[in-house]
Amino acid sequence: MKLRNATILVVDDDPDLLTAVSLLLKPKVSRVIKEPNPDHIPSILSREEIHLVLLDMNFKSAVNTGNEGLFWLARIKQLKPELPVVMITAYGAIDLAVDALKRGATDFMVKPWQNDKLEATLEDALALRKPRLKSGNAVAAGVPELIGESDVMKELLVKINKIAPTDANILILGENGTGKDIIASTLHYLSPRNRKPFVKVDVGALTDTLFESELFGHRKGAFTDAREDRSGRFEAANGGTLFLDEIGNITLQQQAKLLSVLQNRQVVPLGSNHPVPVDIRLLCATNVPLAILADEQRFRKDLIYRINTVEVQVPPLRERGKDILLLAAHFLGVYSRKYNKDFEVFDSSALQKLRSYHYPGNVRELQYCIERAVIMAEGEVVTDSDIVFSPIERAEAPQAATPAAGNNLVDLERNTIKSVVDKHNGNISKAARELGITRTALYRRLNKYDI
């Protein structure tokens, strides 16, 4: 469901927050209902068609539970099991919010928030509401931006329909910007676990200490800043789906710890000797090609087999043919509404330019390109002059073969890259940061020099 068609119920006893959220959302949604008293929730749900609830975690109410948000979440789920609920919490109450995810909340927002982040969270919650299968073994438009009619996308959608209802661990492969996170969301919300939490972690960005604490949790006093017990993401996803993004960038030491948890189906929080059983479906994603990932110097094969019952290859945009214009039209509508513009179509020159480009940044690059065009265009339609592709990606376009005279420079670049990658134990994100290039650029060089 689209945000602009939604009726959103905001429940919070802070009048300033109600006013701020109402002012933010009114231009973007069909209707905002403000309610300071959570006792009125049942009657509102009985008489109004509500599409999403934005619910505070704490109220000065007669419900004396110490965490009223959980009480009212349970009440909402009892009355309307399919209704998405996004929790509002203070930074110090994140553990309560994680508990809310376990009990059926769709997501949570930490106060104070960024307006764009709130809008995106609500859009995601609505888009993932009541997913359905379309005829012909395709995935319905219940999941945002899963758009495609090309042959490669039809094959992908057929595969998703086959594997989504299972509990198989899935490895999602694809270049940056192809939409691997959307595929993961689709697999969860078309599975029997879709009423349980969907928890995403960018594991490639975690240090060794954060890796254990974030995934497995910790006990008070386990390290300097551990002032209280904290559940990890495995526990937060219990009964649902855990999505580990950038799995190809974790260290061998982290891989060993992850393998142990997956084999035993239990976690041991930092600072504890007592294992905690977990029931999760595991989805992983990486932009590292499987052939490179299979090198045991950088990734354990026993872990690959554990996370890769079935692999899903997400095609790059340049291989999706007519999907380019479908996606462009979709983004044109999204950003025309967002920026209050009247653009409905591209002219023929813009269509030709969109068709002929190779999209090294994939769907993400197309999305940002269309957003920029909507902002900057001044005519009645979007023309080719309004379509400006990313200079970042153009700077990384494949170059002509290096002449023999440059062999010494080539050797220097190859040796430097190999040294930095080895230094970081194959962590591509860290190596790219040290080299001052993007991960995409680094992968191209790794392939170029067969490292």
Protein backbone atom coordinates (compact mmCIF):
# COMPACT_ATOMS: atom_id res chain seq x y z
CA MET A 1 0.00 0.00 0.00
CA LYS A 2 1.20 3.53 -0.81
CA LEU A 3 1.72 6.13 1.90
CA ARG A 4 -0.42 8.70 0.10
CA ASN A 5 -3.49 6.43 0.38
CA ALA A 6 -3.03 5.58 4.05
CA THR A 7 -4.89 6.58 7.19
CA ILE A 8 -2.40 6.67 10.05
CA LEU A 9 -3.26 6.63 13.74
CA VAL A 10 -0.66 8.38 15.92
CA VAL A 11 -0.97 7.58 19.63
CA ASP A 12 1.19 9.61 22.03
CA ASP A 13 0.46 11.66 25.15
CA ASP A 14 2.92 14.39 24.09
CA PRO A 15 0.85 17.10 22.33
CA ASP A 16 3.96 18.64 20.74
CA LEU A 17 4.89 15.32 19.14
CA LEU A 18 1.34 14.78 17.89
CA THR A 19 1.37 18.23 16.29
CA ALA A 20 4.81 17.74 14.73
CA VAL A 21 3.97 14.31 13.27
CA SER A 22 0.61 15.58 11.99
CA LEU A 23 2.23 18.55 10.22
CA LEU A 24 4.85 16.27 8.69
CA LEU A 25 2.47 13.58 7.47
CA LYS A 26 -0.64 15.50 6.40
CA PRO A 27 0.74 16.44 2.96
CA LYS A 28 1.94 12.88 2.39
CA VAL A 29 -0.94 10.67 3.58
CA SER A 30 -4.68 10.49 3.10
CA ARG A 31 -5.48 11.17 6.77
CA VAL A 32 -3.77 11.50 10.16
CA ILE A 33 -5.71 10.68 13.33
CA LYS A 34 -4.09 12.06 16.51
CA GLU A 35 -4.88 10.39 19.83
CA PRO A 36 -3.25 11.31 23.19
CA ASN A 37 -5.11 8.66 25.19
CA PRO A 38 -4.33 5.01 24.38
CA ASP A 39 -7.53 3.90 26.11
CA HIS A 40 -9.35 5.11 23.00
CA ILE A 41 -7.46 2.79 20.63
CA PRO A 42 -10.07 -0.03 20.62
CA SER A 43 -12.96 2.32 19.78
CA ILE A 44 -10.95 4.06 17.02
CA LEU A 45 -10.06 0.73 15.44
CA SER A 46 -13.68 -0.37 15.56
CA ARG A 47 -15.05 2.67 13.73
CA GLU A 48 -12.15 3.75 11.45
CA GLU A 49 -10.26 2.01 8.68
CA ILE A 50 -6.70 2.41 9.96
CA HIS A 51 -3.80 1.30 7.80
CA LEU A 52 -0.93 1.87 10.25
CA VAL A 53 -0.46 2.79 13.91
CA LEU A 54 2.43 4.91 15.17
CA LEU A 55 2.48 4.04 18.89
CA ASP A 56 4.46 5.49 21.79
CA MET A 57 6.10 3.08 24.26
CA ASN A 58 5.20 5.01 27.43
CA PHE A 59 2.08 6.85 28.60
CA LYS A 60 0.88 8.51 31.75
CA SER A 61 -2.13 6.23 31.80
CA ALA A 62 -4.02 3.89 34.08
CA VAL A 63 -2.21 0.91 32.58
CA ASN A 64 0.50 0.49 35.17
CA THR A 65 2.77 -2.03 33.48
CA GLY A 66 5.92 0.07 33.30
CA ASN A 67 5.95 -0.47 29.53
CA GLU A 68 2.51 0.52 28.36
CA GLY A 69 3.51 0.38 24.71
CA LEU A 70 3.81 -3.41 24.91
CA PHE A 71 0.37 -3.65 26.50
CA TRP A 72 -1.27 -1.60 23.77
CA LEU A 73 0.69 -3.37 21.04
CA ALA A 74 -0.72 -6.67 22.28
CA ARG A 75 -4.21 -5.16 22.37
CA ILE A 76 -3.92 -3.88 18.80
CA LYS A 77 -2.66 -7.26 17.57
CA GLN A 78 -5.57 -8.93 19.33
CA LEU A 79 -8.07 -6.65 17.60
CA LYS A 80 -6.31 -6.28 14.20
CA PRO A 81 -3.59 -8.93 13.76
CA GLU A 82 -2.57 -7.69 10.29
CA LEU A 83 -2.32 -3.99 11.23
CA PRO A 84 1.29 -2.67 11.03
CA VAL A 85 2.45 -0.98 14.24
CA VAL A 86 5.57 1.21 14.39
CA MET A 87 6.72 1.92 17.95
CA ILE A 88 8.04 5.29 19.18
CA THR A 89 10.75 4.99 21.80
CA ALA A 90 13.38 7.07 23.58
CA TYR A 91 17.01 6.13 22.99
CA GLY A 92 17.33 4.57 26.46
CA ALA A 93 14.43 2.21 25.84
CA ILE A 94 15.73 0.41 22.75
CA ASP A 95 15.58 -2.94 24.55
CA LEU A 96 11.85 -2.42 25.03
CA ALA A 97 11.53 -1.68 21.33
CA VAL A 98 13.38 -4.88 20.47
CA ASP A 99 10.96 -6.71 22.77
CA ALA A 100 8.13 -5.06 20.82
CA LEU A 101 9.54 -6.48 17.56
CA LYS A 102 9.41 -9.94 19.11
CA ARG A 103 5.75 -9.35 19.95
CA GLY A 104 4.71 -8.34 16.46
CA ALA A 105 5.64 -4.69 15.97
CA THR A 106 6.68 -3.92 12.40
CA ASP A 107 9.49 -1.49 13.28
CA PHE A 108 10.44 1.20 15.77
CA MET A 109 11.61 4.82 15.65
CA VAL A 110 13.96 6.39 18.20
CA LYS A 111 13.21 9.94 19.38
CA PRO A 112 14.33 12.39 18.11
CA TRP A 113 14.18 11.13 14.54
CA GLN A 114 14.93 12.51 11.10
CA ASN A 115 11.78 13.26 9.10
CA ASP A 116 13.03 11.38 6.02
CA LYS A 117 13.77 8.33 8.16
CA LEU A 118 10.27 8.39 9.68
CA GLU A 119 8.64 8.69 6.26
CA ALA A 120 10.74 5.84 4.86
CA THR A 121 9.93 3.62 7.85
CA LEU A 122 6.19 4.21 7.46
CA GLU A 123 6.38 3.57 3.71
CA ASP A 124 8.18 0.28 4.30
CA ALA A 125 5.70 -0.80 6.97
CA LEU A 126 2.74 -0.07 4.69
CA ALA A 127 4.34 -1.65 1.64
CA LEU A 128 4.94 -4.90 3.51
CA ARG A 129 1.34 -5.09 4.75
CA LYS A 130 -0.61 -8.20 3.74
CA PRO A 131 1.63 -9.47 0.95
CA ARG A 132 -0.07 -11.62 -1.67
CA LEU A 133 1.02 -13.75 -4.59
CA LYS A 134 0.04 -12.76 -8.10
CA SER A 135 -0.96 -15.26 -10.72
CA GLY A 136 1.78 -16.74 -12.81
CA ASN A 137 4.07 -17.36 -9.82
CA ALA A 138 5.02 -13.70 -9.54
CA VAL A 139 5.36 -11.73 -6.33
CA ALA A 140 2.68 -9.15 -5.73
CA ALA A 141 3.35 -5.46 -5.46
CA GLY A 142 2.98 -5.77 -1.70
CA VAL A 143 6.72 -5.38 -1.39
CA PRO A 144 8.07 -1.95 -2.37
CA GLU A 145 9.81 -1.54 -5.72
CA LEU A 146 9.90 -5.24 -6.59
CA ILE A 147 9.12 -4.30 -10.16
CA GLY A 148 10.04 -6.24 -13.26
CA GLU A 149 8.67 -7.92 -16.38
CA SER A 150 11.95 -8.95 -18.02
CA ASP A 151 12.71 -12.64 -18.45
CA VAL A 152 15.46 -12.61 -15.81
CA MET A 153 13.11 -11.01 -13.27
CA LYS A 154 10.33 -13.47 -14.07
CA GLU A 155 12.75 -16.31 -13.41
CA LEU A 156 13.80 -14.67 -10.15
CA LEU A 157 10.18 -14.22 -9.03
CA VAL A 158 9.39 -17.86 -9.78
CA LYS A 159 12.34 -18.89 -7.63
CA ILE A 160 11.25 -16.57 -4.81
CA ASN A 161 7.78 -18.11 -4.82
CA LYS A 162 9.30 -21.58 -4.51
CA ILE A 163 11.68 -20.86 -1.65
CA ALA A 164 9.82 -18.19 0.36
CA PRO A 165 7.41 -20.62 2.11
CA THR A 166 10.31 -22.80 3.28
CA ASP A 167 12.73 -22.39 6.18
CA ALA A 168 15.78 -22.80 3.94
CA ASN A 169 18.74 -20.49 4.51
CA ILE A 170 19.18 -18.23 1.48
CA LEU A 171 22.29 -16.48 0.15
CA ILE A 172 21.38 -13.45 -1.98
CA LEU A 173 24.08 -12.48 -4.49
CA GLY A 174 24.29 -9.40 -6.64
CA GLU A 175 26.09 -6.17 -7.38
CA ASN A 176 25.66 -3.06 -5.26
CA GLY A 177 22.36 -1.32 -5.86
CA THR A 178 20.48 -4.29 -7.35
CA GLY A 179 17.96 -4.53 -4.50
CA LYS A 180 19.19 -7.46 -2.43
CA ASP A 181 17.56 -6.04 0.71
CA ILE A 182 14.18 -5.90 -1.06
CA ILE A 183 14.54 -9.54 -2.09
CA ALA A 184 15.25 -10.40 1.56
CA SER A 185 12.14 -8.50 2.70
CA THR A 186 10.06 -10.29 0.08
CA LEU A 187 11.29 -13.72 1.19
CA HIS A 188 10.33 -12.93 4.80
CA TYR A 189 6.91 -11.44 4.11
CA LEU A 190 5.92 -14.29 1.82
CA SER A 191 6.98 -16.86 4.42
CA PRO A 192 5.07 -18.45 7.32
CA ARG A 193 7.21 -16.30 9.63
CA ASN A 194 5.81 -13.02 8.33
CA ARG A 195 4.01 -12.19 11.57
CA LYS A 196 7.28 -12.41 13.45
CA PRO A 197 10.19 -9.94 13.34
CA PHE A 198 12.34 -9.24 10.30
CA VAL A 199 15.68 -8.05 11.66
CA LYS A 200 18.42 -6.67 9.40
CA VAL A 201 22.09 -6.28 10.39
CA ASP A 202 24.92 -4.83 8.27
CA VAL A 203 27.53 -7.23 9.61
CA GLY A 204 30.27 -5.95 7.30
CA ALA A 205 30.45 -2.73 9.32
CA LEU A 206 30.86 -4.38 12.74
CA THR A 207 34.12 -4.69 14.64
CA ASP A 208 34.83 -7.97 16.45
CA THR A 209 33.49 -6.67 19.79
CA LEU A 210 30.42 -5.07 18.23
CA PHE A 211 29.82 -8.19 16.15
CA GLU A 212 29.33 -10.38 19.22
CA SER A 213 27.44 -7.79 21.23
CA GLU A 214 25.15 -6.81 18.36
CA LEU A 215 24.35 -10.35 17.22
CA PHE A 216 24.52 -12.36 20.42
CA GLY A 217 23.82 -9.73 23.11
CA HIS A 218 25.72 -9.05 26.31
CA ARG A 219 25.32 -9.05 30.06
CA LYS A 220 25.87 -6.11 32.36
CA GLY A 221 29.59 -5.61 32.98
CA ALA A 222 30.73 -7.73 30.02
CA PHE A 223 32.80 -4.74 28.82
CA THR A 224 33.34 -1.11 29.83
CA ASP A 225 30.12 0.37 28.42
CA ALA A 226 27.88 -2.61 29.18
CA ARG A 227 25.76 -0.93 31.85
CA GLU A 228 22.84 -3.31 31.52
CA ASP A 229 21.84 -6.61 29.93
CA ARG A 230 21.06 -6.35 26.22
CA SER A 231 19.52 -8.87 23.86
CA GLY A 232 21.24 -9.42 20.51
CA ARG A 233 19.74 -9.48 17.04
CA PHE A 234 19.44 -13.28 17.04
CA GLU A 235 17.11 -13.05 20.05
CA ALA A 236 15.27 -10.07 18.53
CA ALA A 237 14.56 -12.15 15.42
CA ASN A 238 13.44 -15.22 17.37
CA GLY A 239 10.55 -16.87 15.54
CA GLY A 240 11.16 -14.66 12.51
CA THR A 241 13.89 -13.88 10.00
CA LEU A 242 17.43 -12.59 10.51
CA PHE A 243 18.98 -10.84 7.49
CA LEU A 244 22.77 -10.49 7.57
CA ASP A 245 23.81 -8.00 4.90
CA GLU A 246 27.41 -7.72 3.62
CA ILE A 247 28.16 -11.24 4.90
CA GLY A 248 31.13 -11.47 2.51
CA ASN A 249 33.03 -8.83 4.46
CA ILE A 250 33.20 -10.46 7.89
CA THR A 251 36.52 -11.76 9.23
CA LEU A 252 37.45 -15.41 9.63
CA GLN A 253 37.19 -15.03 13.41
CA GLN A 254 33.65 -13.66 13.09
CA GLN A 255 32.79 -16.46 10.68
CA ALA A 256 33.80 -19.07 13.26
CA LYS A 257 31.54 -17.52 15.90
CA LEU A 258 28.63 -17.28 13.47
CA LEU A 259 29.07 -20.89 12.34
CA SER A 260 28.94 -22.11 15.94
CA VAL A 261 25.63 -20.31 16.56
CA LEU A 262 24.08 -21.64 13.34
CA GLN A 263 25.15 -25.20 14.10
CA ASN A 264 23.91 -25.16 17.71
CA ARG A 265 20.90 -22.85 17.20
CA GLN A 266 21.76 -21.04 20.42
CA VAL A 267 23.68 -17.91 21.38
CA VAL A 268 25.85 -17.22 24.41
CA PRO A 269 25.71 -13.48 25.26
CA LEU A 270 28.99 -11.75 26.07
CA GLY A 271 29.68 -12.04 29.79
CA SER A 272 27.44 -15.11 30.20
CA ASN A 273 27.99 -18.86 30.31
CA HIS A 274 24.34 -19.72 29.71
CA PRO A 275 23.26 -20.44 26.13
CA VAL A 276 19.98 -18.99 24.86
CA PRO A 277 18.11 -21.06 22.24
CA VAL A 278 17.02 -19.20 19.10
CA ASP A 279 14.66 -20.08 16.26
CA ILE A 280 15.40 -17.98 13.18
CA ARG A 281 15.40 -18.25 9.43
CA LEU A 282 18.68 -16.91 8.07
CA LEU A 283 19.00 -14.76 4.97
CA CYS A 284 22.41 -13.42 3.92
CA ALA A 285 23.50 -11.07 1.15
CA THR A 286 26.80 -10.09 -0.43
CA ASN A 287 28.12 -8.37 -3.52
CA VAL A 288 31.16 -10.65 -3.50
CA PRO A 289 30.95 -13.18 -6.39
CA LEU A 290 30.52 -16.73 -5.14
CA ALA A 291 33.74 -17.85 -6.86
CA ILE A 292 35.72 -15.30 -4.84
CA LEU A 293 33.76 -16.03 -1.67
CA ALA A 294 34.67 -19.72 -1.97
CA ASP A 295 38.37 -18.95 -1.43
CA GLU A 296 39.01 -20.47 2.01
CA GLN A 297 41.65 -17.87 2.74
CA ARG A 298 38.84 -15.33 3.04
CA PHE A 299 35.70 -17.34 3.77
CA ARG A 300 35.04 -20.73 5.38
CA LYS A 301 33.45 -23.24 3.03
CA ASP A 302 31.58 -24.91 5.89
CA LEU A 303 29.91 -21.57 6.62
CA ILE A 304 29.06 -21.06 2.93
CA TYR A 305 27.26 -24.41 2.89
CA ARG A 306 25.46 -23.49 6.12
CA ILE A 307 24.13 -20.15 4.83
CA ASN A 308 23.58 -21.23 1.23
CA THR A 309 20.91 -23.92 1.09
CA VAL A 310 19.63 -22.00 -1.95
CA GLU A 311 21.32 -19.06 -3.64
CA VAL A 312 19.47 -16.22 -5.32
CA GLN A 313 21.29 -14.18 -7.96
CA VAL A 314 19.81 -10.69 -8.36
CA PRO A 315 20.47 -9.50 -11.93
CA PRO A 316 22.14 -6.14 -12.59
CA LEU A 317 19.90 -3.50 -14.12
CA ARG A 318 21.79 -3.55 -17.45
CA GLU A 319 20.52 -7.13 -17.98
CA ARG A 320 16.88 -6.30 -17.25
CA GLY A 321 15.92 -4.66 -20.55
CA LYS A 322 12.42 -3.17 -20.43
CA ASP A 323 12.50 -3.07 -16.61
CA ILE A 324 14.63 0.07 -16.87
CA LEU A 325 11.72 2.13 -18.17
CA LEU A 326 9.26 0.46 -15.78
CA LEU A 327 11.43 1.41 -12.84
CA ALA A 328 12.05 4.88 -14.21
CA ALA A 329 8.29 5.47 -14.51
CA HIS A 330 7.80 4.18 -10.97
CA PHE A 331 10.43 6.52 -9.54
CA LEU A 332 9.05 9.41 -11.59
CA GLY A 333 5.69 8.94 -9.87
CA VAL A 334 7.25 8.55 -6.42
CA TYR A 335 9.34 11.72 -6.61
CA SER A 336 6.74 13.80 -8.44
CA ARG A 337 4.44 13.21 -5.48
CA LYS A 338 7.21 13.77 -2.95
CA TYR A 339 8.24 17.12 -4.44
CA ASN A 340 4.73 18.22 -5.50
CA LYS A 341 5.57 18.18 -9.21
CA ASP A 342 3.24 17.27 -12.09
CA PHE A 343 5.56 15.08 -14.16
CA GLU A 344 3.82 12.01 -15.56
CA VAL A 345 5.96 11.01 -18.55
CA PHE A 346 9.40 11.25 -20.13
CA ASP A 347 9.81 12.58 -23.64
CA SER A 348 11.28 10.33 -26.35
CA SER A 349 14.81 11.73 -25.95
CA ALA A 350 14.79 10.95 -22.21
CA LEU A 351 13.50 7.42 -22.85
CA GLN A 352 16.26 6.79 -25.37
CA LYS A 353 18.90 8.08 -22.96
CA LEU A 354 17.55 5.88 -20.16
CA ARG A 355 17.54 2.81 -22.42
CA SER A 356 21.09 3.24 -23.70
CA TYR A 357 22.92 3.77 -20.39
CA HIS A 358 24.76 0.82 -18.75
CA TYR A 359 23.91 1.61 -15.05
CA PRO A 360 27.04 0.59 -13.14
CA GLY A 361 25.18 1.72 -9.98
CA ASN A 362 22.14 -0.40 -10.88
CA VAL A 363 18.64 0.40 -9.56
CA ARG A 364 20.02 2.70 -6.88
CA GLU A 365 21.73 4.86 -9.50
CA LEU A 366 18.56 5.00 -11.61
CA GLN A 367 16.53 5.98 -8.55
CA TYR A 368 18.81 8.89 -7.63
CA CYS A 369 19.01 9.94 -11.28
CA ILE A 370 15.21 10.21 -11.55
CA GLU A 371 14.95 12.01 -8.20
CA ARG A 372 17.44 14.60 -9.40
CA ALA A 373 15.61 14.99 -12.70
CA VAL A 374 12.29 15.62 -10.95
CA ILE A 375 13.90 18.26 -8.72
CA MET A 376 15.76 20.07 -11.51
CA ALA A 377 13.43 19.77 -14.54
CA GLU A 378 11.61 22.96 -15.50
CA GLY A 379 9.47 21.96 -18.48
CA GLU A 380 6.21 20.04 -18.64
CA VAL A 381 7.95 16.71 -19.24
CA VAL A 382 11.32 15.23 -18.31
CA THR A 383 13.76 15.50 -21.23
CA ASP A 384 17.17 14.00 -21.94
CA SER A 385 18.88 17.17 -20.65
CA ASP A 386 17.25 16.54 -17.25
CA ILE A 387 18.71 13.03 -17.09
CA VAL A 388 22.17 13.29 -15.53
CA PHE A 389 23.87 10.06 -14.51
CA SER A 390 26.12 9.81 -11.49
CA PRO A 391 29.61 11.28 -12.05
CA ILE A 392 30.83 8.89 -9.34
CA GLU A 393 29.86 5.84 -11.38
CA ARG A 394 31.07 7.39 -14.65
CA ALA A 395 34.47 7.95 -13.07
CA GLU A 396 34.63 4.22 -12.38
CA ALA A 397 33.59 3.08 -15.86
CA PRO A 398 35.88 0.42 -17.34
CA GLN A 399 38.95 1.91 -18.97
CA ALA A 400 40.74 0.83 -22.11
CA ALA A 401 43.47 -1.75 -21.77
CA THR A 402 46.64 -0.40 -20.18
CA PRO A 403 49.48 -0.10 -22.67
CA ALA A 404 52.67 -2.05 -22.17
CA ALA A 405 54.54 1.12 -21.24
CA GLY A 406 52.44 1.32 -18.07
CA ASN A 407 53.29 -2.14 -16.74
CA ASN A 408 55.30 -0.82 -13.80
CA LEU A 409 52.38 1.35 -12.68
CA VAL A 410 50.01 -1.60 -13.11
CA ASP A 411 52.23 -3.78 -10.93
CA LEU A 412 52.36 -1.04 -8.31
CA GLU A 413 48.56 -0.75 -8.21
CA ARG A 414 48.11 -4.53 -8.08
CA ASN A 415 50.61 -4.96 -5.25
CA THR A 416 49.14 -2.06 -3.28
CA ILE A 417 45.63 -3.44 -3.53
CA LYS A 418 46.73 -6.95 -2.56
CA SER A 419 48.67 -5.60 0.42
CA VAL A 420 45.75 -3.55 1.76
CA VAL A 421 43.21 -6.36 1.25
CA ASP A 422 45.52 -8.80 3.05
CA LYS A 423 46.05 -6.27 5.84
CA HIS A 424 42.30 -6.19 6.50
CA ASN A 425 41.89 -9.98 6.19
CA GLY A 426 39.75 -9.66 3.07
CA ASN A 427 37.36 -7.04 4.52
CA ILE A 428 36.51 -5.16 1.33
CA SER A 429 34.79 -2.23 3.08
CA LYS A 430 37.83 -1.45 5.22
CA ALA A 431 40.27 -1.97 2.35
CA ALA A 432 38.27 0.33 0.06
CA ARG A 433 38.18 3.05 2.73
CA GLU A 434 41.96 2.90 3.15
CA LEU A 435 42.51 2.99 -0.62
CA GLY A 436 40.12 5.92 -1.00
CA ILE A 437 37.85 4.20 -3.53
CA THR A 438 34.38 2.63 -3.41
CA ARG A 439 33.84 -1.07 -2.89
CA THR A 440 32.54 -1.34 -6.46
CA ALA A 441 35.76 0.15 -7.79
CA LEU A 442 37.81 -2.18 -5.60
CA TYR A 443 35.93 -5.27 -6.82
CA ARG A 444 36.58 -4.24 -10.41
CA ARG A 445 40.29 -4.02 -9.67
CA LEU A 446 40.27 -7.35 -7.87
CA ASN A 447 38.73 -8.95 -10.95
CA LYS A 448 41.05 -7.03 -13.29
CA TYR A 449 44.19 -8.21 -11.49
CA ASP A 450 42.80 -11.67 -10.58
CA ILE A 451 43.49 -11.11 -6.88
